[in-house]
Amino acid sequence: MSNRTSHRTRTAGVRPNIEPAQDTESFAACPAGAAKRLLIDVRELSTAITARACEMEAERRVPWDIVEVLKAIGAFRLFVPHSHGGLELDLPSGLSIITALARIEGSVGWTAMIGNGAHLFAALLPRQTYDQVYRRGPDTMVAGVSQPAGTAEAVEGGWRVTGRWPFASGCLHADWLGGVCVMSEAGKRLVGPDGKAPLLRGFFMPASDWKIADTWHVAGLKGTGSHHILFDDKVVPPANFFDLASGAACLAGPLYGSVLEVLPLFHGAFAVGLARGALDELVEHAGTGRQQLHAPLQMRDSETFQYELGRVAADLRAAEAFQRVQAASLWRRALTGTIKDPALIAETTQAGIWISATCTRVIDACFALAGGSAVYDTSPLQRRLRDMHTAAQHATVHQRHYVGAGRLLLDPASH
């Protein structure tokens, strides 16, 4: 059976003039081929997606028809295993798809990043539960929050869970939602393996068991629908829990060795895509013959503008190169079974922070170079500015976490 829904079933308003693409089976034996096919499909969607950017911001979500198209081409099954109908791309190829989507539009790229990353979290579930999650196919939408914002009290038949988790990107499209809880028994918090910190466990339950609070009124990434999700005093079976920090994946294969080591590069992939899109838009803006007030020349003919553009492009190329090198390094570690390493988490986090911070500076510069017209809602540069600053606030790539890399340099044994 084909893993790719026919393009003829898609909403005409999204992609009306594109011929049906080949089925994913023809690329199943060659992940690189599947990635190339998907990149072509993504590129063909570019105009249709950017035309809906303002709608996404106003509605504070990615429209359902665009989600369905992205699902149909395989954009949400990058890391779902072949055994469950997914593409199971290698890490660098899968991240390149996220970059391509972020280059088109920030909220779409972010939603794809979160959705595909969630598949790696789900792989930490017991196999029987994992099979239940994906029983309807590889396009199952999974979302959740890794912040320990819930409590789970031991009761007969499982754990009674209550919590309210913020920043649940993609929750409006999700089939399953997850959160992380502080575990307790008889009213007392359980202690983790180190004997000090609270015991934390993640869990997944069908989206129908959750409530969504309409809280996503924000500065950037408006179209991601990252509302609060609520789970109110319900019993969750033990088989729906997983250990994020040290749990073993229920799937074979290098992709599923560890989530924490690879997660920062998902953010790096998003950041370089968003920044590359900003540079594209600045070049296009300069190409219109724009001449700023009191400037003696058009932007494109100004040596000052050319200098700044060249400098900004160099910064972006450095971020892109770092992202590629780090992704390739992680993938080699995954293939050799050596990826599960606390020191590697510090190294990858350092990379993700630097890439995100550098891309923030790139987008800031693009916005400033564009001049006064960039402040209008009609300018995609102001949207990218807001999106990038919002993305850079994420805990995974927040600059306070540089401390881990610094500590590792001072005391290698600390990890």
Foldseek 3Di string as FASTA:
>chain_A
DFLADWPVPADCLQQVPDHTDDTCVVCLVPLVVLLVSLLVVLVSRLVSQLVCQVVLLVVLADDPRVLVSCVRSQLLQCCPDVVQSGSNHFQVSNLLSLLSLLLRPQLRSVLSLQFNLVLLVLLQFAPVVSCVQSVVGRSAGEWEDADAFKEWEDDPQATFIWGKAFQTFPLVVHQKYKYKHFYYYPPGFDCDPVRPHGDMKMFMDTSVQKDWDQDQDAQASSSRSGTMIIHHGDGDGPSRIGHQQDGQGNDDDLVNGHSLLCSLLSLLSSLLSLLNSLLVLLVVLQVVQDDDPPHPGRLVPDPVNVVLSVVLVVLSVVSVVLSSVLSVVLSVCSVVVNNSDPLSSLVSLLSSLVSLVSSLVSLVSSLVSSPDVCVDPVHVSSNSNRHSVVSQPDPSRPPVSNVSVVVCVVPVVVD
